[in-house]
Amino acid sequence: MTEIQTQQIKQVYKSYCLDFSELDLDAAIVEDYIGFVPGSAPDPFPNIIAEILSESAKRITPQGGFEIFDNLGINRMNKSLTIRDVNFNADAIVTRHMNKARSVAVFACTAGPEISRLASEYNRKGHAVHAYIADSLGSIIVERSMDIIQEHLRVLMSEKGLKITNRYSPGYCGWDVKEQKELFGLMPDNYCGITLSDSMLMKPIKSVSGIIGIGKDVTYDHYTCNYCKDINCLYRGKR
């Protein structure tokens, strides 16, 4: 991991460029993600997965980071939170888990455009299974990358005697995806090469954004899907 920018100003801002090898991905992780018991995927899946992992290692350079804002405001009655005078209607799940936070890290992370290009290349060749696996790997890459960046945040805060929460994103846990616009307004323009469409979709597609609470008394839950009613969530049971 290369720390490509650090600023010690009013907020702490850190941005990272990751090497693909740092993600420590293997066939078992991909097999599990696409619905197979690791090690039991039938032919030709093992060869396809190996090919895509090898090609991705040559092409993919994930990026991401976070900016920390103090004076987080929480209103559990209105199910809202405020970051730097920007109000977010984050709904009950998010505000409940942010309730003891005093600061917040606003984050964004992307696998970059190459994994989607690879999937498109397979589609153009008529290799639908290859394309599906490449697309699935893109989701794995960005989540794995953000796991690494979140761990760096945890260590940084631990040195200050603070803890962090799980991460929460617009579009999940009842938080309207439309508020992605306001969230990105807190970050530098074109942060990590990520832009928003009019429908609030991130480009590159394999990108994530959201918030992580920080404080002395916050908690991190290793399993949070039981709090959420979205049974169609892409990440349900994956964290």
C-alpha atoms as a PDB file:
ATOM      1  CA  MET A   1       0.000   0.000   0.000  1.00  0.00           C
ATOM      2  CA  THR A   2       1.252   3.434  -0.937  1.00  0.00           C
ATOM      3  CA  GLU A   3       0.001   6.431   0.985  1.00  0.00           C
ATOM      4  CA  ILE A   4      -0.336   8.907  -1.867  1.00  0.00           C
ATOM      5  CA  GLN A   5      -1.494  11.909   0.103  1.00  0.00           C
ATOM      6  CA  THR A   6      -1.568  12.970   3.721  1.00  0.00           C
ATOM      7  CA  GLN A   7      -2.661  16.338   5.008  1.00  0.00           C
ATOM      8  CA  GLN A   8      -2.699  17.353   8.648  1.00  0.00           C
ATOM      9  CA  ILE A   9      -5.096  20.279   8.571  1.00  0.00           C
ATOM     10  CA  LYS A  10      -8.451  20.888  10.196  1.00  0.00           C
ATOM     11  CA  GLN A  11      -9.420  17.335   9.280  1.00  0.00           C
ATOM     12  CA  VAL A  12      -7.222  14.271   8.747  1.00  0.00           C
ATOM     13  CA  TYR A  13      -7.225  13.273   5.097  1.00  0.00           C
ATOM     14  CA  LYS A  14      -5.535  10.115   3.837  1.00  0.00           C
ATOM     15  CA  SER A  15      -5.536   8.512   0.426  1.00  0.00           C
ATOM     16  CA  TYR A  16      -4.028   5.172  -0.541  1.00  0.00           C
ATOM     17  CA  CYS A  17      -3.045   3.269  -3.651  1.00  0.00           C
ATOM     18  CA  LEU A  18      -3.052  -0.504  -3.121  1.00  0.00           C
ATOM     19  CA  ASP A  19      -1.121  -3.233  -4.869  1.00  0.00           C
ATOM     20  CA  PHE A  20      -3.314  -6.109  -6.039  1.00  0.00           C
ATOM     21  CA  SER A  21      -1.179  -8.589  -4.089  1.00  0.00           C
ATOM     22  CA  GLU A  22      -2.156  -6.874  -0.821  1.00  0.00           C
ATOM     23  CA  LEU A  23      -5.740  -8.054  -1.284  1.00  0.00           C
ATOM     24  CA  ASP A  24      -4.626 -11.668  -0.779  1.00  0.00           C
ATOM     25  CA  LEU A  25      -7.305 -13.025  -3.093  1.00  0.00           C
ATOM     26  CA  ASP A  26      -7.551 -16.656  -4.144  1.00  0.00           C
ATOM     27  CA  ALA A  27      -9.936 -18.976  -5.946  1.00  0.00           C
ATOM     28  CA  ALA A  28     -11.682 -20.038  -2.718  1.00  0.00           C
ATOM     29  CA  ILE A  29     -12.814 -16.469  -2.008  1.00  0.00           C
ATOM     30  CA  VAL A  30     -14.257 -16.126  -5.510  1.00  0.00           C
ATOM     31  CA  GLU A  31     -15.927 -19.555  -5.371  1.00  0.00           C
ATOM     32  CA  ASP A  32     -17.581 -18.692  -2.075  1.00  0.00           C
ATOM     33  CA  TYR A  33     -18.781 -15.340  -3.422  1.00  0.00           C
ATOM     34  CA  ILE A  34     -20.428 -16.855  -6.518  1.00  0.00           C
ATOM     35  CA  GLY A  35     -22.153 -19.585  -4.509  1.00  0.00           C
ATOM     36  CA  PHE A  36     -19.848 -22.596  -4.447  1.00  0.00           C
ATOM     37  CA  VAL A  37     -18.361 -24.316  -1.431  1.00  0.00           C
ATOM     38  CA  PRO A  38     -14.684 -23.295  -1.648  1.00  0.00           C
ATOM     39  CA  GLY A  39     -12.708 -25.981  -3.468  1.00  0.00           C
ATOM     40  CA  SER A  40     -15.811 -27.660  -4.920  1.00  0.00           C
ATOM     41  CA  ALA A  41     -16.476 -25.551  -8.032  1.00  0.00           C
ATOM     42  CA  PRO A  42     -16.894 -27.842 -11.063  1.00  0.00           C
ATOM     43  CA  ASP A  43     -15.015 -27.483 -14.327  1.00  0.00           C
ATOM     44  CA  PRO A  44     -14.481 -25.110 -16.042  1.00  0.00           C
ATOM     45  CA  PHE A  45     -14.841 -22.663 -13.113  1.00  0.00           C
ATOM     46  CA  PRO A  46     -11.418 -23.229 -11.485  1.00  0.00           C
ATOM     47  CA  ASN A  47      -9.568 -22.480 -14.717  1.00  0.00           C
ATOM     48  CA  ILE A  48     -11.739 -19.445 -15.467  1.00  0.00           C
ATOM     49  CA  ILE A  49     -11.252 -18.038 -11.978  1.00  0.00           C
ATOM     50  CA  ALA A  50      -7.483 -18.592 -12.170  1.00  0.00           C
ATOM     51  CA  GLU A  51      -7.354 -16.814 -15.543  1.00  0.00           C
ATOM     52  CA  ILE A  52      -9.312 -13.815 -14.301  1.00  0.00           C
ATOM     53  CA  LEU A  53      -7.291 -13.506 -11.086  1.00  0.00           C
ATOM     54  CA  SER A  54      -4.084 -13.598 -13.115  1.00  0.00           C
ATOM     55  CA  GLU A  55      -5.304 -10.984 -15.575  1.00  0.00           C
ATOM     56  CA  SER A  56      -6.622  -8.771 -12.786  1.00  0.00           C
ATOM     57  CA  ALA A  57      -3.273  -8.836 -11.001  1.00  0.00           C
ATOM     58  CA  LYS A  58      -1.735  -7.203 -14.084  1.00  0.00           C
ATOM     59  CA  ARG A  59      -4.399  -4.546 -14.526  1.00  0.00           C
ATOM     60  CA  ILE A  60      -6.047  -3.603 -11.241  1.00  0.00           C
ATOM     61  CA  THR A  61      -4.805  -0.881  -8.876  1.00  0.00           C
ATOM     62  CA  PRO A  62      -7.433  -0.102  -6.228  1.00  0.00           C
ATOM     63  CA  GLN A  63      -7.500   3.328  -4.612  1.00  0.00           C
ATOM     64  CA  GLY A  64      -9.325   4.772  -1.656  1.00  0.00           C
ATOM     65  CA  GLY A  65      -9.136   6.804   1.481  1.00  0.00           C
ATOM     66  CA  PHE A  66     -10.973   8.825   4.065  1.00  0.00           C
ATOM     67  CA  GLU A  67     -11.331  12.250   5.593  1.00  0.00           C
ATOM     68  CA  ILE A  68     -12.123  12.660   9.290  1.00  0.00           C
ATOM     69  CA  PHE A  69     -14.605  15.299  10.444  1.00  0.00           C
ATOM     70  CA  ASP A  70     -15.112  16.309  14.069  1.00  0.00           C
ATOM     71  CA  ASN A  71     -18.333  17.418  15.757  1.00  0.00           C
ATOM     72  CA  LEU A  72     -20.610  14.783  14.291  1.00  0.00           C
ATOM     73  CA  GLY A  73     -24.239  15.586  15.047  1.00  0.00           C
ATOM     74  CA  ILE A  74     -26.739  12.775  15.701  1.00  0.00           C
ATOM     75  CA  ASN A  75     -30.515  13.149  15.955  1.00  0.00           C
ATOM     76  CA  ARG A  76     -31.990   9.715  16.602  1.00  0.00           C
ATOM     77  CA  MET A  77     -35.507  11.092  16.877  1.00  0.00           C
ATOM     78  CA  ASN A  78     -35.320  12.437  13.312  1.00  0.00           C
ATOM     79  CA  LYS A  79     -33.061   9.555  12.208  1.00  0.00           C
ATOM     80  CA  SER A  80     -30.509  12.008  10.868  1.00  0.00           C
ATOM     81  CA  LEU A  81     -26.889  12.985  11.279  1.00  0.00           C
ATOM     82  CA  THR A  82     -24.934  16.129  10.461  1.00  0.00           C
ATOM     83  CA  ILE A  83     -21.393  16.343   9.098  1.00  0.00           C
ATOM     84  CA  ARG A  84     -19.880  19.811   8.639  1.00  0.00           C
ATOM     85  CA  ASP A  85     -23.337  21.425   8.558  1.00  0.00           C
ATOM     86  CA  VAL A  86     -24.566  18.931   5.938  1.00  0.00           C
ATOM     87  CA  ASN A  87     -27.625  16.996   7.080  1.00  0.00           C
ATOM     88  CA  PHE A  88     -28.132  13.337   6.143  1.00  0.00           C
ATOM     89  CA  ASN A  89     -31.357  11.379   6.634  1.00  0.00           C
ATOM     90  CA  ALA A  90     -29.443   8.184   7.310  1.00  0.00           C
ATOM     91  CA  ASP A  91     -32.356   6.299   8.925  1.00  0.00           C
ATOM     92  CA  ALA A  92     -32.549   4.407  12.187  1.00  0.00           C
ATOM     93  CA  ILE A  93     -29.969   1.650  11.675  1.00  0.00           C
ATOM     94  CA  VAL A  94     -27.158   4.062  10.856  1.00  0.00           C
ATOM     95  CA  THR A  95     -27.992   6.697  13.469  1.00  0.00           C
ATOM     96  CA  ARG A  96     -28.339   4.043  16.169  1.00  0.00           C
ATOM     97  CA  HIS A  97     -24.874   2.660  15.491  1.00  0.00           C
ATOM     98  CA  MET A  98     -23.384   6.140  15.189  1.00  0.00           C
ATOM     99  CA  ASN A  99     -25.003   7.346  18.389  1.00  0.00           C
ATOM    100  CA  LYS A 100     -21.835   7.293  20.532  1.00  0.00           C
ATOM    101  CA  ALA A 101     -19.534   8.567  17.784  1.00  0.00           C
ATOM    102  CA  ARG A 102     -18.019  12.020  18.191  1.00  0.00           C
ATOM    103  CA  SER A 103     -16.214  12.120  14.834  1.00  0.00           C
ATOM    104  CA  VAL A 104     -16.764  10.447  11.495  1.00  0.00           C
ATOM    105  CA  ALA A 105     -14.582   9.241   8.639  1.00  0.00           C
ATOM    106  CA  VAL A 106     -16.109   9.865   5.213  1.00  0.00           C
ATOM    107  CA  PHE A 107     -14.625   7.301   2.851  1.00  0.00           C
ATOM    108  CA  ALA A 108     -14.541   6.312  -0.796  1.00  0.00           C
ATOM    109  CA  CYS A 109     -12.793   3.419  -2.500  1.00  0.00           C
ATOM    110  CA  THR A 110     -12.674   2.034  -6.024  1.00  0.00           C
ATOM    111  CA  ALA A 111     -11.358  -1.034  -7.809  1.00  0.00           C
ATOM    112  CA  GLY A 112     -10.825   1.281 -10.768  1.00  0.00           C
ATOM    113  CA  PRO A 113     -12.228   0.955 -14.294  1.00  0.00           C
ATOM    114  CA  GLU A 114     -10.122  -1.976 -15.502  1.00  0.00           C
ATOM    115  CA  ILE A 115     -12.140  -4.793 -13.916  1.00  0.00           C
ATOM    116  CA  SER A 116     -15.326  -3.580 -15.628  1.00  0.00           C
ATOM    117  CA  ARG A 117     -13.419  -3.249 -18.903  1.00  0.00           C
ATOM    118  CA  LEU A 118     -12.240  -6.828 -18.502  1.00  0.00           C
ATOM    119  CA  ALA A 119     -15.827  -8.010 -17.943  1.00  0.00           C
ATOM    120  CA  SER A 120     -16.936  -6.060 -21.032  1.00  0.00           C
ATOM    121  CA  GLU A 121     -14.177  -7.636 -23.100  1.00  0.00           C
ATOM    122  CA  TYR A 122     -15.371 -11.098 -22.114  1.00  0.00           C
ATOM    123  CA  ASN A 123     -18.962 -10.150 -22.949  1.00  0.00           C
ATOM    124  CA  ARG A 124     -17.982  -8.940 -26.413  1.00  0.00           C
ATOM    125  CA  LYS A 125     -16.306 -12.292 -27.024  1.00  0.00           C
ATOM    126  CA  GLY A 126     -19.453 -14.122 -25.906  1.00  0.00           C
ATOM    127  CA  HIS A 127     -17.854 -15.465 -22.723  1.00  0.00           C
ATOM    128  CA  ALA A 128     -20.764 -14.846 -20.354  1.00  0.00           C
ATOM    129  CA  VAL A 129     -19.398 -16.928 -17.470  1.00  0.00           C
ATOM    130  CA  HIS A 130     -16.036 -15.165 -17.647  1.00  0.00           C
ATOM    131  CA  ALA A 131     -17.832 -11.802 -17.636  1.00  0.00           C
ATOM    132  CA  TYR A 132     -19.946 -12.773 -14.620  1.00  0.00           C
ATOM    133  CA  ILE A 133     -16.921 -13.894 -12.630  1.00  0.00           C
ATOM    134  CA  ALA A 134     -14.950 -10.770 -13.560  1.00  0.00           C
ATOM    135  CA  ASP A 135     -17.880  -8.612 -12.448  1.00  0.00           C
ATOM    136  CA  SER A 136     -18.134 -10.561  -9.176  1.00  0.00           C
ATOM    137  CA  LEU A 137     -14.401 -10.185  -8.627  1.00  0.00           C
ATOM    138  CA  GLY A 138     -14.786  -6.419  -9.020  1.00  0.00           C
ATOM    139  CA  SER A 139     -17.175  -6.374  -6.069  1.00  0.00           C
ATOM    140  CA  ILE A 140     -14.783  -8.518  -4.036  1.00  0.00           C
ATOM    141  CA  ILE A 141     -11.817  -6.263  -4.878  1.00  0.00           C
ATOM    142  CA  VAL A 142     -13.437  -3.015  -3.788  1.00  0.00           C
ATOM    143  CA  GLU A 143     -14.772  -4.471  -0.531  1.00  0.00           C
ATOM    144  CA  ARG A 144     -11.443  -6.134   0.261  1.00  0.00           C
ATOM    145  CA  SER A 145      -9.619  -2.892  -0.495  1.00  0.00           C
ATOM    146  CA  MET A 146     -11.917  -0.953   1.808  1.00  0.00           C
ATOM    147  CA  ASP A 147     -11.379  -3.574   4.524  1.00  0.00           C
ATOM    148  CA  ILE A 148      -7.652  -2.815   4.355  1.00  0.00           C
ATOM    149  CA  ILE A 149      -8.181   0.942   4.433  1.00  0.00           C
ATOM    150  CA  GLN A 150     -10.632   0.617   7.318  1.00  0.00           C
ATOM    151  CA  GLU A 151      -8.034  -1.373   9.245  1.00  0.00           C
ATOM    152  CA  HIS A 152      -5.546   1.459   8.712  1.00  0.00           C
ATOM    153  CA  LEU A 153      -8.140   3.842  10.117  1.00  0.00           C
ATOM    154  CA  ARG A 154      -8.706   1.547  13.106  1.00  0.00           C
ATOM    155  CA  VAL A 155      -4.984   1.482  13.900  1.00  0.00           C
ATOM    156  CA  LEU A 156      -4.685   5.249  13.466  1.00  0.00           C
ATOM    157  CA  MET A 157      -7.583   5.860  15.852  1.00  0.00           C
ATOM    158  CA  SER A 158      -6.402   3.216  18.316  1.00  0.00           C
ATOM    159  CA  GLU A 159      -3.177   5.180  18.719  1.00  0.00           C
ATOM    160  CA  LYS A 160      -5.363   8.057  19.902  1.00  0.00           C
ATOM    161  CA  GLY A 161      -7.350   5.867  22.305  1.00  0.00           C
ATOM    162  CA  LEU A 162     -10.389   5.760  20.023  1.00  0.00           C
ATOM    163  CA  LYS A 163     -12.474   3.017  18.390  1.00  0.00           C
ATOM    164  CA  ILE A 164     -14.378   2.789  15.105  1.00  0.00           C
ATOM    165  CA  THR A 165     -17.758   1.452  13.994  1.00  0.00           C
ATOM    166  CA  ASN A 166     -18.676  -0.615  10.983  1.00  0.00           C
ATOM    167  CA  ARG A 167     -18.939   1.274   7.716  1.00  0.00           C
ATOM    168  CA  TYR A 168     -22.301   2.418   6.357  1.00  0.00           C
ATOM    169  CA  SER A 169     -23.122   3.492   2.820  1.00  0.00           C
ATOM    170  CA  PRO A 170     -25.938   5.362   1.065  1.00  0.00           C
ATOM    171  CA  GLY A 171     -28.186   2.806  -0.609  1.00  0.00           C
ATOM    172  CA  TYR A 172     -27.985   0.365   2.298  1.00  0.00           C
ATOM    173  CA  CYS A 173     -29.549   0.070   5.780  1.00  0.00           C
ATOM    174  CA  GLY A 174     -32.399   2.399   4.760  1.00  0.00           C
ATOM    175  CA  TRP A 175     -30.080   5.270   3.798  1.00  0.00           C
ATOM    176  CA  ASP A 176     -31.288   6.833   0.537  1.00  0.00           C
ATOM    177  CA  VAL A 177     -28.714   6.516  -2.253  1.00  0.00           C
ATOM    178  CA  LYS A 178     -29.628  10.039  -3.402  1.00  0.00           C
ATOM    179  CA  GLU A 179     -27.653  11.408  -0.455  1.00  0.00           C
ATOM    180  CA  GLN A 180     -24.509  10.165  -2.123  1.00  0.00           C
ATOM    181  CA  LYS A 181     -24.318  13.595  -3.753  1.00  0.00           C
ATOM    182  CA  GLU A 182     -24.059  15.398  -0.410  1.00  0.00           C
ATOM    183  CA  LEU A 183     -21.548  12.824   0.836  1.00  0.00           C
ATOM    184  CA  PHE A 184     -19.283  13.373  -2.168  1.00  0.00           C
ATOM    185  CA  GLY A 185     -19.614  17.100  -1.594  1.00  0.00           C
ATOM    186  CA  LEU A 186     -17.534  16.584   1.554  1.00  0.00           C
ATOM    187  CA  MET A 187     -14.665  15.054  -0.423  1.00  0.00           C
ATOM    188  CA  PRO A 188     -12.211  16.561  -2.914  1.00  0.00           C
ATOM    189  CA  ASP A 189     -13.491  16.706  -6.495  1.00  0.00           C
ATOM    190  CA  ASN A 190     -12.903  13.558  -8.549  1.00  0.00           C
ATOM    191  CA  TYR A 191     -11.704  11.799  -5.416  1.00  0.00           C
ATOM    192  CA  CYS A 192      -9.684   8.693  -6.391  1.00  0.00           C
ATOM    193  CA  GLY A 193     -11.047   9.160  -9.899  1.00  0.00           C
ATOM    194  CA  ILE A 194     -14.639   8.542  -8.747  1.00  0.00           C
ATOM    195  CA  THR A 195     -17.488  10.590 -10.200  1.00  0.00           C
ATOM    196  CA  LEU A 196     -21.262  10.485  -9.764  1.00  0.00           C
ATOM    197  CA  SER A 197     -23.912  10.163 -12.455  1.00  0.00           C
ATOM    198  CA  ASP A 198     -27.227  12.033 -12.315  1.00  0.00           C
ATOM    199  CA  SER A 199     -28.765   8.876 -10.839  1.00  0.00           C
ATOM    200  CA  MET A 200     -26.077   8.837  -8.095  1.00  0.00           C
ATOM    201  CA  LEU A 201     -24.276   5.804  -9.496  1.00  0.00           C
ATOM    202  CA  MET A 202     -20.539   5.885  -8.963  1.00  0.00           C
ATOM    203  CA  LYS A 203     -18.140   5.601 -11.858  1.00  0.00           C
ATOM    204  CA  PRO A 204     -16.049   3.418 -11.920  1.00  0.00           C
ATOM    205  CA  ILE A 205     -18.936   1.094 -11.120  1.00  0.00           C
ATOM    206  CA  LYS A 206     -16.947  -1.015  -8.663  1.00  0.00           C
ATOM    207  CA  SER A 207     -16.693   1.717  -6.051  1.00  0.00           C
ATOM    208  CA  VAL A 208     -18.011   2.229  -2.532  1.00  0.00           C
ATOM    209  CA  SER A 209     -18.501   5.245  -0.296  1.00  0.00           C
ATOM    210  CA  GLY A 210     -19.902   5.959   3.123  1.00  0.00           C
ATOM    211  CA  ILE A 211     -19.083   6.767   6.724  1.00  0.00           C
ATOM    212  CA  ILE A 212     -17.386   5.172   9.727  1.00  0.00           C
ATOM    213  CA  GLY A 213     -18.060   6.427  13.236  1.00  0.00           C
ATOM    214  CA  ILE A 214     -15.205   7.247  15.620  1.00  0.00           C
ATOM    215  CA  GLY A 215     -15.272   7.605  19.406  1.00  0.00           C
ATOM    216  CA  LYS A 216     -14.172   6.203  22.748  1.00  0.00           C
ATOM    217  CA  ASP A 217     -17.391   4.253  23.304  1.00  0.00           C
ATOM    218  CA  VAL A 218     -18.437   3.118  19.831  1.00  0.00           C
ATOM    219  CA  THR A 219     -18.615  -0.576  18.969  1.00  0.00           C
ATOM    220  CA  TYR A 220     -17.769  -2.665  15.928  1.00  0.00           C
ATOM    221  CA  ASP A 221     -20.179  -5.523  15.182  1.00  0.00           C
ATOM    222  CA  HIS A 222     -18.728  -8.465  13.259  1.00  0.00           C
ATOM    223  CA  TYR A 223     -22.145  -9.405  11.903  1.00  0.00           C
ATOM    224  CA  THR A 224     -24.675  -6.679  11.090  1.00  0.00           C
ATOM    225  CA  CYS A 225     -26.975  -8.212   8.460  1.00  0.00           C
ATOM    226  CA  ASN A 226     -29.543  -9.050  11.147  1.00  0.00           C
ATOM    227  CA  TYR A 227     -30.082  -5.292  11.636  1.00  0.00           C
ATOM    228  CA  CYS A 228     -30.972  -4.701   7.982  1.00  0.00           C
ATOM    229  CA  LYS A 229     -34.220  -5.528   6.176  1.00  0.00           C
ATOM    230  CA  ASP A 230     -32.724  -5.461   2.667  1.00  0.00           C
ATOM    231  CA  ILE A 231     -32.754  -9.173   1.770  1.00  0.00           C
ATOM    232  CA  ASN A 232     -31.495  -8.404  -1.745  1.00  0.00           C
ATOM    233  CA  CYS A 233     -28.363  -6.570  -0.574  1.00  0.00           C
ATOM    234  CA  LEU A 234     -25.319  -7.489  -2.662  1.00  0.00           C
ATOM    235  CA  TYR A 235     -23.174  -7.772   0.458  1.00  0.00           C
ATOM    236  CA  ARG A 236     -25.596  -9.673   2.677  1.00  0.00           C
ATOM    237  CA  GLY A 237     -23.633 -12.256   4.616  1.00  0.00           C
ATOM    238  CA  LYS A 238     -20.375 -11.340   2.857  1.00  0.00           C
ATOM    239  CA  ARG A 239     -18.792  -9.218   5.599  1.00  0.00           C
END
